[in-house]
Every structure is written in C-alpha cells, then in structure tokens.
Protein backbone atom coordinates (compact mmCIF):
# COMPACT_ATOMS: atom_id res chain seq x y z
CA MET A 1 -42.50 27.60 -17.30
CA ALA A 2 -42.72 23.70 -16.39
CA ARG A 3 -43.46 23.09 -12.87
CA VAL A 4 -40.68 21.01 -11.19
CA LYS A 5 -41.85 17.55 -9.47
CA SER A 6 -39.61 16.35 -6.64
CA GLY A 7 -41.31 12.59 -6.76
CA ILE A 8 -38.41 10.78 -7.72
CA LEU A 9 -35.74 12.61 -5.25
CA SER A 10 -38.27 11.82 -2.13
CA HIS A 11 -38.23 8.68 -3.44
CA LYS A 12 -34.79 7.67 -3.56
CA ARG A 13 -34.20 9.59 -0.05
CA ARG A 14 -37.11 7.59 1.51
CA LYS A 15 -35.75 4.78 0.26
CA LYS A 16 -32.27 5.31 1.15
CA VAL A 17 -33.67 5.89 5.01
CA LEU A 18 -35.87 2.45 4.85
CA LYS A 19 -32.60 0.70 3.71
CA LEU A 20 -30.90 1.66 6.64
CA ALA A 21 -33.23 0.76 9.08
CA LYS A 22 -33.53 -2.71 7.78
CA GLY A 23 -34.03 -4.77 10.55
CA TYR A 24 -35.81 -2.46 13.01
CA TYR A 25 -38.39 -3.78 15.02
CA GLY A 26 -41.79 -2.73 14.05
CA ALA A 27 -43.05 0.02 12.27
CA LYS A 28 -39.38 1.56 12.48
CA SER A 29 -38.00 -0.55 9.22
CA LYS A 30 -41.62 0.31 7.89
CA GLN A 31 -42.65 3.67 7.66
CA PHE A 32 -40.68 6.42 6.73
CA ARG A 33 -41.54 9.24 9.93
CA THR A 34 -40.43 6.67 12.26
CA ALA A 35 -37.50 4.95 10.47
CA LYS A 36 -36.31 8.34 10.12
CA GLN A 37 -35.88 8.70 13.86
CA ALA A 38 -34.97 5.22 14.79
CA VAL A 39 -31.77 5.83 11.51
CA MET A 40 -30.54 9.43 12.85
CA LYS A 41 -30.78 8.18 16.44
CA SER A 42 -29.01 5.13 15.53
CA GLY A 43 -26.37 6.99 13.89
CA LEU A 44 -25.91 9.34 17.11
CA TYR A 45 -25.34 6.25 19.53
CA ALA A 46 -22.76 4.58 16.65
CA TYR A 47 -21.11 8.40 16.53
CA ILE A 48 -20.72 7.92 20.74
CA GLY A 49 -19.97 4.49 20.35
CA ARG A 50 -17.01 4.89 18.42
CA LYS A 51 -16.07 7.60 20.37
CA LYS A 52 -16.32 5.37 23.45
CA ARG A 53 -14.88 2.29 22.20
CA LYS A 54 -10.90 4.13 22.39
CA ARG A 55 -12.12 5.21 25.83
CA ASP A 56 -13.05 1.55 26.99
CA PHE A 57 -9.57 -0.50 25.23
CA ARG A 58 -7.25 2.22 26.37
CA ARG A 59 -8.73 1.25 30.35
CA LEU A 60 -8.31 -2.49 29.37
CA TRP A 61 -4.79 -2.24 28.37
CA ILE A 62 -3.95 -0.17 31.72
CA THR A 63 -5.93 -2.65 33.98
CA ARG A 64 -3.37 -5.02 32.02
CA ILE A 65 -0.41 -3.69 32.93
CA SER A 66 -1.55 -2.69 36.28
CA ALA A 67 -2.34 -6.70 36.86
CA ALA A 68 1.10 -7.73 35.28
CA CYS A 69 3.11 -5.07 37.36
CA ARG A 70 1.29 -6.13 40.65
CA LEU A 71 2.86 -9.81 39.78
CA ASN A 72 6.22 -8.27 39.68
CA GLY A 73 6.07 -6.50 42.69
CA VAL A 74 5.47 -2.84 41.55
CA ASN A 75 1.71 -0.58 41.17
CA TYR A 76 1.15 1.29 37.70
CA SER A 77 1.72 4.77 38.71
CA ARG A 78 4.98 4.04 39.84
CA PHE A 79 5.45 1.76 36.72
CA ILE A 80 4.58 4.65 33.99
CA ALA A 81 6.68 7.35 36.04
CA GLY A 82 9.68 4.72 35.88
CA LEU A 83 9.29 4.44 32.17
CA LYS A 84 8.88 8.15 31.76
CA ASN A 85 12.05 8.81 33.73
CA ALA A 86 13.76 6.37 31.80
CA LYS A 87 12.99 7.27 28.72
CA ILE A 88 11.09 4.37 27.32
CA GLU A 89 8.53 5.55 25.11
CA LEU A 90 6.15 2.42 24.80
CA ASN A 91 2.02 3.20 24.45
CA ARG A 92 -0.17 1.44 26.92
CA LYS A 93 -1.34 -1.23 23.69
CA MET A 94 2.06 -2.25 23.57
CA LEU A 95 2.79 -2.72 27.04
CA SER A 96 -0.63 -4.64 27.76
CA GLU A 97 0.38 -6.78 24.05
CA ILE A 98 3.69 -7.59 26.10
CA ALA A 99 2.73 -8.24 29.30
CA ILE A 100 -0.10 -10.69 27.72
CA ALA A 101 2.42 -12.44 25.12
CA ASP A 102 6.20 -11.96 26.93
CA PRO A 103 5.84 -11.81 30.44
CA VAL A 104 9.83 -12.41 30.67
CA GLY A 105 10.31 -9.68 28.83
CA PHE A 106 7.62 -7.46 30.43
CA THR A 107 9.43 -8.31 33.66
CA LYS A 108 12.83 -6.77 32.45
CA LEU A 109 11.09 -3.69 31.82
CA VAL A 110 9.75 -3.19 35.12
CA GLU A 111 13.16 -4.38 36.54
CA SER A 112 14.84 -1.17 34.33
CA VAL A 113 12.47 0.71 35.62
CA LYS A 114 13.38 -0.37 39.10
CA THR A 115 17.18 0.50 38.66
CA LYS A 116 16.25 3.73 37.07
CA GLY A 117 13.43 5.21 39.44
C-alpha cells in the first residue's frame, strides 16, 4: 500500500496561519510556530473583545441617559423605575438616542415618569 504524504495539507495549514499573522511584529509574522501562538492569542482577545464591546456600549448608554435625567431633575434609577411603572418599554440604546437627538422629547418622557411615579 502506498504511503500517504501530507505535505500539501501542512503547507495549506501553515499558509493559512501565516496569512492571519500578516502585519504582526518581527518573527510572529514569519515563523510558523510563533505565528500560530500569536494568532491563537489574538483570536482569544478578539472573542473577549466582542463580549466586552456589548458591556461598554451599555455603560455608555446608561451614562448618557443619566446625564440627561440629571438635567431634568431626576436621577437614573428613579427614571428607569418610573418607566417600568408607566409600562413604557424603551431599551437603553433608544433612550440614549432620544436624549441626544431629541431633548424635548426626552423631557416629555421624564415628565410622564414623574406624574406616574
């Protein structure tokens, strides 16, 4: 039985890893072993970053809503509690956009929360 040579597959795999490592500093972009480690680590950082981005944006939206609430004389937690009591279902992203783009509309939201809450 003929022996199986895996040179083509190994070359493809190495080429794929080195392509992903293109632009890395020094040996990380040239040598397969260091490139493989760097690509694995960068993939891990990218995965973590995708999760972190969601947290960061939520924090930004909350900060913006809080600032707009303080301008209208109510704090963030009372505002959110009031929205829930008034059965107004708006997510924080939309509330943040309203606070930036339409301050008058946001003031009306705050007033409706004050009357219900």
